[in-house]
């Protein structure tokens, strides 16, 4: 199965830059954005898992334009909070949530907590009209820092220190982050598929 063009089912510029940087490894695939078509589409992310939300977005954009659509959903799962914010990571701080308010709430919830283990998970799905979506998962274990550090990245990057490192994602050069991150690992699986048709199921997170 070949996809010479893939539509990113999101208007998030930060996601586009990360995805496009990795997909440059497959020059036969061009990543399109919603701005290429002058459209926007709000999709209710009411699934209970990252896979469900990712598939919902991909299918909605495929139905709209008839172009194979790629969507991802990412969650930060904090051990001490029973896995929260999880699938609600983007709207963790409530109505009007943004990157800063979400980070502030997380730090408040972890006040006085010493065990700060966490993991980022990303699920990328492609909808192409076959009645089945292709999904690829990436997981990165780490811990939540005591304070925000770094000016790069986005979302919770300034709080997340991956295992084996002392820097947060926001302190790392983009190339380093992309090589070890949850989204990078999911993209590695997608790239293998795009190159030779091999499919990693969403449950397979060991790469």
N, C-alpha and C. Protein backbone atom coordinates (compact mmCIF):
# COMPACT_ATOMS: atom_id res chain seq x y z
N UNK A 1 0.84 -1.19 0.00
CA UNK A 1 0.00 0.00 0.00
C UNK A 1 0.88 1.25 0.00
N UNK A 2 0.67 2.16 -0.94
CA UNK A 2 1.49 3.35 -1.05
C UNK A 2 0.67 4.61 -0.84
N UNK A 3 1.26 5.58 -0.19
CA UNK A 3 0.59 6.85 0.05
C UNK A 3 1.50 7.98 -0.42
N UNK A 4 1.43 8.36 -1.70
CA UNK A 4 2.28 9.46 -2.16
C UNK A 4 1.95 10.79 -1.48
N UNK A 5 0.71 10.91 -1.01
CA UNK A 5 0.29 12.09 -0.27
C UNK A 5 -0.45 11.68 0.99
N UNK A 6 -0.14 12.36 2.07
CA UNK A 6 -0.85 12.16 3.33
C UNK A 6 -1.28 13.52 3.86
N UNK A 7 -2.52 13.62 4.28
CA UNK A 7 -3.04 14.86 4.85
C UNK A 7 -2.96 14.78 6.37
N UNK A 8 -2.27 15.74 6.99
CA UNK A 8 -2.24 15.81 8.44
C UNK A 8 -3.57 16.34 8.94
N UNK A 9 -4.27 15.52 9.68
CA UNK A 9 -5.62 15.87 10.15
C UNK A 9 -5.53 16.72 11.42
N UNK A 10 -4.84 17.83 11.31
CA UNK A 10 -4.68 18.73 12.44
C UNK A 10 -4.16 20.06 11.93
N UNK A 11 -4.55 21.13 12.60
CA UNK A 11 -4.02 22.44 12.28
C UNK A 11 -2.88 22.85 13.20
N UNK A 12 -2.41 21.90 14.02
CA UNK A 12 -1.36 22.19 15.00
C UNK A 12 0.00 22.29 14.29
N UNK A 13 0.54 23.50 14.24
CA UNK A 13 1.80 23.75 13.53
C UNK A 13 2.95 22.99 14.17
N UNK A 14 2.97 22.88 15.51
CA UNK A 14 4.04 22.19 16.19
C UNK A 14 4.09 20.71 15.79
N UNK A 15 2.92 20.09 15.73
CA UNK A 15 2.87 18.70 15.30
C UNK A 15 3.35 18.54 13.87
N UNK A 16 2.93 19.46 13.00
CA UNK A 16 3.33 19.38 11.61
C UNK A 16 4.85 19.41 11.47
N UNK A 17 5.52 20.31 12.19
CA UNK A 17 6.96 20.43 12.08
C UNK A 17 7.66 19.15 12.52
N UNK A 18 7.19 18.54 13.61
CA UNK A 18 7.80 17.30 14.08
C UNK A 18 7.56 16.16 13.09
N UNK A 19 6.32 16.03 12.64
CA UNK A 19 5.98 14.95 11.72
C UNK A 19 6.72 15.11 10.39
N UNK A 20 6.73 16.30 9.87
CA UNK A 20 7.34 16.52 8.56
C UNK A 20 8.85 16.29 8.60
N UNK A 21 9.48 16.64 9.72
CA UNK A 21 10.93 16.43 9.85
C UNK A 21 11.26 14.94 9.77
N UNK A 22 10.45 14.11 10.43
CA UNK A 22 10.69 12.66 10.39
C UNK A 22 10.32 12.07 9.04
N UNK A 23 9.21 12.51 8.47
CA UNK A 23 8.76 11.93 7.20
C UNK A 23 9.67 12.32 6.04
N UNK A 24 10.59 13.25 6.28
CA UNK A 24 11.58 13.57 5.25
C UNK A 24 12.44 12.35 4.93
N UNK A 25 12.42 11.35 5.83
CA UNK A 25 13.15 10.10 5.58
C UNK A 25 12.50 9.28 4.48
N UNK A 26 11.26 9.64 4.12
CA UNK A 26 10.55 8.93 3.04
C UNK A 26 10.18 9.98 1.99
N UNK A 27 11.11 10.35 1.11
CA UNK A 27 10.86 11.45 0.17
C UNK A 27 9.74 11.18 -0.82
N UNK A 28 9.32 9.93 -0.95
CA UNK A 28 8.23 9.61 -1.86
C UNK A 28 6.86 10.00 -1.31
N UNK A 29 6.83 10.41 -0.03
CA UNK A 29 5.57 10.79 0.62
C UNK A 29 5.57 12.28 0.91
N UNK A 30 4.53 12.97 0.50
CA UNK A 30 4.39 14.41 0.76
C UNK A 30 3.32 14.60 1.83
N UNK A 31 3.67 15.33 2.89
CA UNK A 31 2.72 15.61 3.96
C UNK A 31 2.01 16.92 3.68
N UNK A 32 0.71 16.84 3.50
CA UNK A 32 -0.11 18.02 3.25
C UNK A 32 -0.73 18.50 4.56
N UNK A 33 -1.14 19.76 4.59
CA UNK A 33 -1.79 20.31 5.78
C UNK A 33 -3.16 20.87 5.41
N UNK A 34 -3.96 21.11 6.41
CA UNK A 34 -5.28 21.67 6.16
C UNK A 34 -5.20 23.04 5.52
N UNK A 35 -4.11 23.78 5.81
CA UNK A 35 -3.96 25.11 5.21
C UNK A 35 -3.74 25.03 3.70
N UNK A 36 -3.25 23.90 3.21
CA UNK A 36 -3.10 23.71 1.76
C UNK A 36 -4.45 23.76 1.05
N UNK A 37 -5.51 23.48 1.80
CA UNK A 37 -6.85 23.44 1.22
C UNK A 37 -7.75 24.54 1.76
N UNK A 38 -7.21 25.36 2.68
CA UNK A 38 -7.99 26.45 3.25
C UNK A 38 -9.18 25.99 4.06
N UNK A 39 -9.00 24.87 4.77
CA UNK A 39 -10.12 24.32 5.53
C UNK A 39 -9.74 24.17 7.01
N UNK A 40 -10.76 24.05 7.81
CA UNK A 40 -10.59 23.66 9.21
C UNK A 40 -11.76 22.78 9.57
N UNK A 41 -11.54 21.88 10.48
CA UNK A 41 -12.59 20.94 10.87
C UNK A 41 -12.38 20.57 12.32
N UNK A 42 -13.39 20.84 13.13
CA UNK A 42 -13.33 20.46 14.54
C UNK A 42 -13.94 19.07 14.69
N UNK A 43 -13.13 18.16 15.18
CA UNK A 43 -13.58 16.78 15.38
C UNK A 43 -13.69 16.52 16.87
N UNK A 44 -14.85 16.06 17.31
CA UNK A 44 -15.05 15.75 18.73
C UNK A 44 -14.18 14.56 19.11
N UNK A 45 -13.21 14.79 19.98
CA UNK A 45 -12.33 13.71 20.42
C UNK A 45 -12.94 13.08 21.67
N UNK A 46 -14.01 12.31 21.46
CA UNK A 46 -14.75 11.73 22.58
C UNK A 46 -14.47 10.25 22.76
N UNK A 47 -13.37 9.77 22.17
CA UNK A 47 -12.98 8.39 22.39
C UNK A 47 -12.40 8.22 23.79
N UNK A 48 -12.29 6.98 24.20
CA UNK A 48 -11.75 6.70 25.54
C UNK A 48 -10.29 6.26 25.49
N UNK A 49 -9.75 6.14 24.29
CA UNK A 49 -8.34 5.76 24.14
C UNK A 49 -7.69 6.67 23.10
N UNK A 50 -6.37 6.71 23.10
CA UNK A 50 -5.64 7.49 22.11
C UNK A 50 -5.92 6.96 20.70
N UNK A 51 -6.00 5.65 20.56
CA UNK A 51 -6.26 5.06 19.25
C UNK A 51 -7.62 5.50 18.72
N UNK A 52 -8.63 5.48 19.57
CA UNK A 52 -9.98 5.89 19.13
C UNK A 52 -9.98 7.35 18.68
N UNK A 53 -9.36 8.22 19.44
CA UNK A 53 -9.36 9.64 19.08
C UNK A 53 -8.57 9.89 17.79
N UNK A 54 -7.44 9.22 17.66
CA UNK A 54 -6.64 9.38 16.46
C UNK A 54 -7.41 8.91 15.23
N UNK A 55 -8.07 7.78 15.34
CA UNK A 55 -8.83 7.24 14.22
C UNK A 55 -10.03 8.12 13.87
N UNK A 56 -10.67 8.69 14.88
CA UNK A 56 -11.80 9.59 14.64
C UNK A 56 -11.38 10.77 13.78
N UNK A 57 -10.23 11.37 14.11
CA UNK A 57 -9.76 12.52 13.35
C UNK A 57 -9.36 12.14 11.93
N UNK A 58 -8.64 11.03 11.80
CA UNK A 58 -8.19 10.61 10.47
C UNK A 58 -9.37 10.31 9.56
N UNK A 59 -10.36 9.59 10.07
CA UNK A 59 -11.52 9.24 9.24
C UNK A 59 -12.32 10.47 8.84
N UNK A 60 -12.46 11.43 9.76
CA UNK A 60 -13.23 12.64 9.46
C UNK A 60 -12.59 13.43 8.32
N UNK A 61 -11.28 13.57 8.34
CA UNK A 61 -10.61 14.33 7.28
C UNK A 61 -10.56 13.56 5.97
N UNK A 62 -10.48 12.23 6.05
CA UNK A 62 -10.53 11.45 4.81
C UNK A 62 -11.88 11.60 4.14
N UNK A 63 -12.95 11.54 4.95
CA UNK A 63 -14.29 11.70 4.38
C UNK A 63 -14.46 13.09 3.75
N UNK A 64 -13.84 14.09 4.34
CA UNK A 64 -14.00 15.45 3.85
C UNK A 64 -13.32 15.67 2.50
N UNK A 65 -12.10 15.16 2.33
CA UNK A 65 -11.32 15.47 1.15
C UNK A 65 -10.99 14.27 0.26
N UNK A 66 -11.22 13.07 0.77
CA UNK A 66 -10.92 11.88 -0.02
C UNK A 66 -9.44 11.62 -0.19
N UNK A 67 -8.61 12.22 0.65
CA UNK A 67 -7.16 12.03 0.62
C UNK A 67 -6.78 11.21 1.85
N UNK A 68 -5.90 10.20 1.71
CA UNK A 68 -5.46 9.46 2.89
C UNK A 68 -5.02 10.42 3.99
N UNK A 69 -5.60 10.28 5.15
CA UNK A 69 -5.38 11.24 6.23
C UNK A 69 -4.66 10.59 7.40
N UNK A 70 -3.75 11.35 7.97
CA UNK A 70 -2.95 10.91 9.11
C UNK A 70 -3.29 11.77 10.31
N UNK A 71 -3.54 11.12 11.43
CA UNK A 71 -3.81 11.86 12.67
C UNK A 71 -3.07 11.20 13.81
N UNK A 72 -2.73 11.99 14.80
CA UNK A 72 -2.13 11.40 15.99
C UNK A 72 -2.84 11.92 17.22
N UNK A 73 -2.77 11.13 18.27
CA UNK A 73 -3.26 11.59 19.57
C UNK A 73 -2.20 11.20 20.58
N UNK A 74 -1.92 12.12 21.48
CA UNK A 74 -0.85 11.93 22.44
C UNK A 74 -1.36 12.19 23.84
N UNK A 75 -0.89 11.40 24.78
CA UNK A 75 -1.26 11.60 26.17
C UNK A 75 -0.05 11.45 27.07
N UNK A 76 -0.07 12.18 28.17
CA UNK A 76 0.94 12.06 29.21
C UNK A 76 0.29 11.32 30.38
N UNK A 77 0.87 10.19 30.76
CA UNK A 77 0.29 9.33 31.79
C UNK A 77 1.22 9.34 33.00
N UNK A 78 0.77 9.96 34.08
CA UNK A 78 1.60 10.14 35.28
C UNK A 78 1.24 9.08 36.31
N UNK A 79 2.25 8.31 36.74
CA UNK A 79 2.01 7.19 37.64
C UNK A 79 1.29 7.60 38.92
N UNK A 80 1.79 8.67 39.56
CA UNK A 80 1.25 9.09 40.86
C UNK A 80 -0.17 9.61 40.77
N UNK A 81 -0.63 9.93 39.56
CA UNK A 81 -1.99 10.45 39.36
C UNK A 81 -2.91 9.41 38.75
N UNK A 82 -2.52 8.15 38.86
CA UNK A 82 -3.36 7.09 38.33
C UNK A 82 -3.47 7.11 36.81
N UNK A 83 -2.47 7.67 36.15
CA UNK A 83 -2.49 7.73 34.69
C UNK A 83 -2.98 9.05 34.13
N UNK A 84 -3.46 9.95 34.98
CA UNK A 84 -3.89 11.27 34.51
C UNK A 84 -2.66 12.08 34.10
N UNK A 85 -2.82 13.05 33.20
CA UNK A 85 -4.04 13.43 32.49
C UNK A 85 -4.45 12.50 31.35
N UNK A 86 -3.56 11.63 30.89
CA UNK A 86 -3.94 10.61 29.92
C UNK A 86 -4.55 11.17 28.64
N UNK A 87 -5.70 10.59 28.25
CA UNK A 87 -6.35 11.01 27.01
C UNK A 87 -6.88 12.45 27.09
N UNK A 88 -6.91 13.00 28.28
CA UNK A 88 -7.39 14.37 28.46
C UNK A 88 -6.24 15.37 28.56
N UNK A 89 -5.06 14.99 28.15
CA UNK A 89 -3.87 15.83 28.34
C UNK A 89 -4.01 17.22 27.74
N UNK A 90 -4.60 17.31 26.55
CA UNK A 90 -4.69 18.61 25.87
C UNK A 90 -5.67 19.56 26.56
N UNK A 91 -6.62 19.02 27.30
CA UNK A 91 -7.63 19.85 27.96
C UNK A 91 -7.64 19.62 29.47
N UNK A 92 -6.48 19.32 30.01
CA UNK A 92 -6.34 18.94 31.41
C UNK A 92 -6.80 20.04 32.36
N UNK A 93 -6.52 21.28 32.04
CA UNK A 93 -6.84 22.38 32.96
C UNK A 93 -8.23 22.96 32.73
N UNK A 94 -9.05 22.29 31.95
CA UNK A 94 -10.44 22.71 31.79
C UNK A 94 -10.68 23.58 30.57
N UNK A 95 -11.84 24.22 30.56
CA UNK A 95 -12.22 25.06 29.42
C UNK A 95 -11.18 26.16 29.19
N UNK A 96 -10.80 26.33 27.93
CA UNK A 96 -9.79 27.32 27.60
C UNK A 96 -8.37 26.87 27.89
N UNK A 97 -8.19 25.57 28.10
CA UNK A 97 -6.87 25.04 28.43
C UNK A 97 -5.85 25.37 27.34
N UNK A 98 -4.62 25.64 27.76
CA UNK A 98 -3.52 25.82 26.82
C UNK A 98 -2.29 25.15 27.41
N UNK A 99 -1.18 25.20 26.66
CA UNK A 99 0.03 24.52 27.12
C UNK A 99 0.43 24.96 28.53
N UNK A 100 0.45 26.27 28.75
CA UNK A 100 0.93 26.80 30.03
C UNK A 100 0.01 26.41 31.19
N UNK A 101 -1.30 26.55 31.00
CA UNK A 101 -2.22 26.23 32.08
C UNK A 101 -2.20 24.74 32.42
N UNK A 102 -2.00 23.91 31.42
CA UNK A 102 -1.91 22.46 31.67
C UNK A 102 -0.66 22.12 32.48
N UNK A 103 0.46 22.74 32.13
CA UNK A 103 1.69 22.48 32.87
C UNK A 103 1.58 22.95 34.32
N UNK A 104 0.98 24.11 34.51
CA UNK A 104 0.82 24.64 35.87
C UNK A 104 -0.05 23.73 36.72
N UNK A 105 -1.12 23.22 36.13
CA UNK A 105 -1.99 22.32 36.89
C UNK A 105 -1.26 21.04 37.26
N UNK A 106 -0.49 20.51 36.32
CA UNK A 106 0.23 19.27 36.60
C UNK A 106 1.22 19.46 37.74
N UNK A 107 1.97 20.56 37.70
CA UNK A 107 2.92 20.82 38.79
C UNK A 107 2.20 20.96 40.13
N UNK A 108 1.05 21.61 40.12
CA UNK A 108 0.28 21.76 41.36
C UNK A 108 -0.18 20.41 41.89
N UNK A 109 -0.66 19.56 41.00
CA UNK A 109 -1.14 18.24 41.41
C UNK A 109 -0.01 17.38 41.99
N UNK A 110 1.23 17.65 41.57
CA UNK A 110 2.36 16.85 42.03
C UNK A 110 3.15 17.52 43.16
N UNK A 111 2.61 18.57 43.73
CA UNK A 111 3.28 19.24 44.84
C UNK A 111 3.54 18.25 45.98
N UNK A 112 4.79 18.13 46.40
CA UNK A 112 5.15 17.24 47.49
C UNK A 112 5.29 15.78 47.10
N UNK A 113 5.04 15.45 45.84
CA UNK A 113 5.15 14.06 45.38
C UNK A 113 6.58 13.78 44.95
N UNK A 114 7.19 12.74 45.52
CA UNK A 114 8.58 12.42 45.19
C UNK A 114 8.68 11.45 44.02
N UNK A 115 7.79 10.49 43.95
CA UNK A 115 7.82 9.51 42.86
C UNK A 115 7.07 10.11 41.67
N UNK A 116 7.80 10.53 40.66
CA UNK A 116 7.22 11.33 39.59
C UNK A 116 7.35 10.63 38.21
N UNK A 117 7.35 9.31 38.24
CA UNK A 117 7.43 8.56 37.00
C UNK A 117 6.23 8.82 36.08
N UNK A 118 6.48 8.80 34.78
CA UNK A 118 5.42 9.09 33.81
C UNK A 118 5.83 8.52 32.46
N UNK A 119 4.87 8.47 31.55
CA UNK A 119 5.21 8.11 30.18
C UNK A 119 4.33 8.88 29.21
N UNK A 120 4.95 9.26 28.11
CA UNK A 120 4.24 9.82 26.98
C UNK A 120 3.87 8.68 26.03
N UNK A 121 2.66 8.73 25.51
CA UNK A 121 2.25 7.77 24.49
C UNK A 121 1.66 8.53 23.30
N UNK A 122 2.01 8.09 22.12
CA UNK A 122 1.42 8.62 20.89
C UNK A 122 0.89 7.47 20.05
N UNK A 123 -0.29 7.65 19.50
CA UNK A 123 -0.82 6.72 18.51
C UNK A 123 -1.10 7.50 17.24
N UNK A 124 -0.51 7.04 16.14
CA UNK A 124 -0.74 7.64 14.82
C UNK A 124 -1.61 6.69 14.00
N UNK A 125 -2.67 7.22 13.42
CA UNK A 125 -3.55 6.41 12.57
C UNK A 125 -3.66 7.02 11.18
N UNK A 126 -3.78 6.14 10.19
CA UNK A 126 -4.04 6.56 8.81
C UNK A 126 -5.39 5.99 8.40
N UNK A 127 -6.24 6.84 7.84
CA UNK A 127 -7.51 6.41 7.26
C UNK A 127 -7.42 6.61 5.76
N UNK A 128 -7.71 5.56 5.01
CA UNK A 128 -7.56 5.65 3.55
C UNK A 128 -8.74 5.03 2.81
N UNK A 129 -9.87 4.88 3.49
CA UNK A 129 -11.08 4.43 2.82
C UNK A 129 -11.21 2.94 2.66
N UNK A 130 -10.35 2.17 3.30
CA UNK A 130 -10.42 0.72 3.17
C UNK A 130 -11.35 0.09 4.21
N UNK A 131 -11.88 0.92 5.09
CA UNK A 131 -12.72 0.40 6.16
C UNK A 131 -11.91 0.02 7.38
N UNK A 132 -10.61 0.16 7.28
CA UNK A 132 -9.73 -0.16 8.39
C UNK A 132 -8.67 0.93 8.52
N UNK A 133 -8.42 1.37 9.75
CA UNK A 133 -7.35 2.33 9.93
C UNK A 133 -6.08 1.59 10.33
N UNK A 134 -4.95 2.13 9.92
CA UNK A 134 -3.64 1.60 10.27
C UNK A 134 -3.12 2.43 11.43
N UNK A 135 -2.72 1.78 12.51
CA UNK A 135 -2.31 2.52 13.70
C UNK A 135 -0.93 2.07 14.17
N UNK A 136 -0.17 3.04 14.68
CA UNK A 136 1.21 2.81 15.10
C UNK A 136 1.43 3.56 16.41
N UNK A 137 1.99 2.86 17.42
CA UNK A 137 2.15 3.45 18.75
C UNK A 137 3.60 3.64 19.12
N UNK A 138 3.88 4.71 19.86
CA UNK A 138 5.19 4.94 20.44
C UNK A 138 5.06 5.35 21.89
N UNK A 139 5.97 4.85 22.73
CA UNK A 139 5.94 5.15 24.17
C UNK A 139 7.33 5.60 24.61
N UNK A 140 7.37 6.62 25.44
CA UNK A 140 8.62 7.10 26.02
C UNK A 140 8.44 7.25 27.53
N UNK A 141 9.21 6.47 28.30
CA UNK A 141 9.15 6.57 29.75
C UNK A 141 10.06 7.69 30.24
N UNK A 142 9.69 8.26 31.39
CA UNK A 142 10.50 9.32 31.97
C UNK A 142 9.95 9.74 33.31
N UNK A 143 10.16 10.99 33.64
CA UNK A 143 9.69 11.52 34.93
C UNK A 143 9.34 12.99 34.74
N UNK A 144 8.55 13.49 35.67
CA UNK A 144 8.13 14.90 35.65
C UNK A 144 9.08 15.71 36.53
N UNK A 145 9.64 16.75 35.98
CA UNK A 145 10.57 17.60 36.72
C UNK A 145 9.83 18.42 37.77
N UNK A 146 10.58 19.02 38.67
CA UNK A 146 9.99 19.83 39.74
C UNK A 146 9.55 21.21 39.26
N UNK A 147 10.09 21.63 38.12
CA UNK A 147 9.76 22.95 37.58
C UNK A 147 9.97 22.92 36.07
N UNK A 148 9.39 23.89 35.39
CA UNK A 148 9.57 23.97 33.94
C UNK A 148 11.02 24.30 33.60
N UNK A 149 11.53 23.62 32.57
CA UNK A 149 12.90 23.85 32.12
C UNK A 149 12.96 23.78 30.61
N UNK A 150 13.55 24.80 30.00
CA UNK A 150 13.73 24.81 28.56
C UNK A 150 12.67 25.62 27.84
N UNK A 151 13.03 26.06 26.64
CA UNK A 151 12.13 26.91 25.86
C UNK A 151 11.71 26.27 24.54
N UNK A 152 12.18 25.08 24.26
CA UNK A 152 11.82 24.41 23.01
C UNK A 152 10.59 23.54 23.19
N UNK A 153 10.24 22.84 22.10
CA UNK A 153 9.13 21.90 22.18
C UNK A 153 7.79 22.58 22.39
N UNK A 154 6.84 21.81 22.89
CA UNK A 154 5.51 22.33 23.15
C UNK A 154 4.81 21.40 24.12
N UNK A 155 3.57 21.75 24.49
CA UNK A 155 2.82 20.89 25.41
C UNK A 155 3.51 20.76 26.76
N UNK A 156 3.73 19.52 27.19
CA UNK A 156 4.35 19.24 28.48
C UNK A 156 5.86 19.05 28.37
N UNK A 157 6.45 19.38 27.24
CA UNK A 157 7.87 19.11 27.01
C UNK A 157 8.78 19.72 28.06
N UNK A 158 8.42 20.88 28.59
CA UNK A 158 9.28 21.55 29.57
C UNK A 158 9.26 20.87 30.93
N UNK A 159 8.40 19.86 31.09
CA UNK A 159 8.30 19.15 32.36
C UNK A 159 8.76 17.69 32.26
N UNK A 160 8.96 17.18 31.06
CA UNK A 160 9.20 15.75 30.89
C UNK A 160 10.68 15.46 30.64
N UNK A 161 11.26 14.65 31.53
CA UNK A 161 12.65 14.22 31.41
C UNK A 161 12.66 12.75 31.04
N UNK A 162 13.06 12.39 29.83
CA UNK A 162 13.04 10.98 29.43
C UNK A 162 14.08 10.16 30.18
N UNK A 163 13.79 8.89 30.40
CA UNK A 163 14.72 8.01 31.09
C UNK A 163 16.09 8.02 30.40
N UNK A 164 17.13 8.08 31.22
CA UNK A 164 18.49 8.07 30.69
C UNK A 164 19.03 9.44 30.36
N UNK A 165 18.24 10.48 30.61
CA UNK A 165 18.66 11.85 30.29
C UNK A 165 18.42 12.76 31.49
N UNK A 166 19.14 13.87 31.52
CA UNK A 166 18.95 14.88 32.56
C UNK A 166 18.21 16.10 32.04
N UNK A 167 18.04 16.21 30.74
CA UNK A 167 17.35 17.34 30.14
C UNK A 167 15.88 17.02 29.91
N UNK A 168 15.05 18.06 29.99
CA UNK A 168 13.67 17.91 29.55
C UNK A 168 13.65 17.91 28.02
N UNK A 169 12.53 17.47 27.44
CA UNK A 169 12.39 17.55 25.99
C UNK A 169 12.58 18.99 25.50
N UNK A 170 12.13 19.94 26.30
CA UNK A 170 12.21 21.35 25.89
C UNK A 170 13.62 21.89 25.92
N UNK A 171 14.53 21.20 26.58
CA UNK A 171 15.93 21.62 26.62
C UNK A 171 16.76 20.96 25.52
N UNK A 172 16.19 19.99 24.84
CA UNK A 172 16.93 19.24 23.82
C UNK A 172 16.79 19.89 22.45
N UNK A 173 17.81 19.74 21.60
CA UNK A 173 17.63 20.12 20.20
C UNK A 173 16.52 19.28 19.59
N UNK A 174 15.76 19.83 18.66
CA UNK A 174 14.63 19.07 18.08
C UNK A 174 15.04 17.71 17.52
N UNK A 175 16.21 17.63 16.90
CA UNK A 175 16.64 16.36 16.31
C UNK A 175 16.84 15.29 17.38
N UNK A 176 17.36 15.68 18.54
CA UNK A 176 17.56 14.72 19.62
C UNK A 176 16.23 14.27 20.19
N UNK A 177 15.34 15.22 20.43
CA UNK A 177 14.03 14.87 20.95
C UNK A 177 13.31 13.91 19.99
N UNK A 178 13.31 14.24 18.70
CA UNK A 178 12.58 13.43 17.73
C UNK A 178 13.13 12.02 17.62
N UNK A 179 14.41 11.84 17.96
CA UNK A 179 15.02 10.52 17.83
C UNK A 179 14.62 9.58 18.96
N UNK A 180 14.14 10.12 20.09
CA UNK A 180 13.84 9.27 21.24
C UNK A 180 12.40 9.39 21.73
N UNK A 181 11.66 10.35 21.20
CA UNK A 181 10.34 10.65 21.76
C UNK A 181 9.29 9.62 21.38
N UNK A 182 8.18 9.69 22.08
CA UNK A 182 7.01 8.86 21.81
C UNK A 182 6.53 9.04 20.38
N UNK A 183 6.42 10.29 19.93
CA UNK A 183 5.97 10.54 18.56
C UNK A 183 7.01 10.05 17.56
N UNK A 184 8.29 10.23 17.90
CA UNK A 184 9.34 9.73 17.02
C UNK A 184 9.28 8.22 16.86
N UNK A 185 9.01 7.51 17.96
CA UNK A 185 8.94 6.04 17.89
C UNK A 185 7.72 5.59 17.07
N UNK A 186 6.59 6.28 17.26
CA UNK A 186 5.41 5.94 16.45
C UNK A 186 5.69 6.20 14.97
N UNK A 187 6.39 7.30 14.70
CA UNK A 187 6.73 7.63 13.31
C UNK A 187 7.71 6.63 12.72
N UNK A 188 8.62 6.11 13.54
CA UNK A 188 9.54 5.08 13.05
C UNK A 188 8.75 3.88 12.53
N UNK A 189 7.72 3.48 13.24
CA UNK A 189 6.89 2.36 12.79
C UNK A 189 6.14 2.71 11.50
N UNK A 190 5.62 3.93 11.46
CA UNK A 190 4.93 4.38 10.26
C UNK A 190 5.87 4.38 9.07
N UNK A 191 7.10 4.85 9.28
CA UNK A 191 8.06 4.92 8.19
C UNK A 191 8.41 3.54 7.66
N UNK A 192 8.56 2.57 8.56
CA UNK A 192 8.80 1.19 8.12
C UNK A 192 7.65 0.72 7.23
N UNK A 193 6.44 1.02 7.64
CA UNK A 193 5.27 0.64 6.84
C UNK A 193 5.28 1.32 5.47
N UNK A 194 5.55 2.62 5.46
CA UNK A 194 5.55 3.36 4.21
C UNK A 194 6.63 2.87 3.25
N UNK A 195 7.72 2.40 3.80
CA UNK A 195 8.82 1.93 2.96
C UNK A 195 8.58 0.55 2.37
N UNK A 196 8.02 -0.35 3.17
CA UNK A 196 7.93 -1.72 2.68
C UNK A 196 6.61 -2.43 2.96
N UNK A 197 5.64 -1.70 3.49
CA UNK A 197 4.33 -2.30 3.70
C UNK A 197 4.20 -3.10 4.97
N UNK A 198 5.29 -3.19 5.77
CA UNK A 198 5.19 -3.90 7.04
C UNK A 198 4.37 -3.08 8.01
N UNK A 199 3.56 -3.74 8.77
CA UNK A 199 2.67 -3.05 9.70
C UNK A 199 2.97 -3.45 11.13
N UNK A 200 3.24 -2.47 11.98
CA UNK A 200 3.33 -2.72 13.41
C UNK A 200 1.97 -2.45 14.03
N UNK A 201 1.37 -3.41 14.72
CA UNK A 201 0.09 -3.14 15.38
C UNK A 201 0.26 -2.15 16.51
N UNK A 202 -0.84 -1.52 16.88
CA UNK A 202 -0.78 -0.48 17.91
C UNK A 202 -0.28 -1.04 19.24
N UNK A 203 -0.51 -2.33 19.50
CA UNK A 203 -0.10 -2.90 20.79
C UNK A 203 1.40 -3.10 20.87
N UNK A 204 2.10 -3.14 19.73
CA UNK A 204 3.53 -3.40 19.72
C UNK A 204 4.29 -2.12 19.95
N UNK A 205 4.76 -1.89 21.17
CA UNK A 205 5.42 -0.63 21.49
C UNK A 205 6.91 -0.80 21.75
N UNK A 206 7.46 -1.99 21.44
CA UNK A 206 8.88 -2.22 21.68
C UNK A 206 9.66 -2.12 20.37
N UNK A 207 10.42 -1.06 20.23
CA UNK A 207 11.22 -0.87 19.01
C UNK A 207 12.67 -0.68 19.40
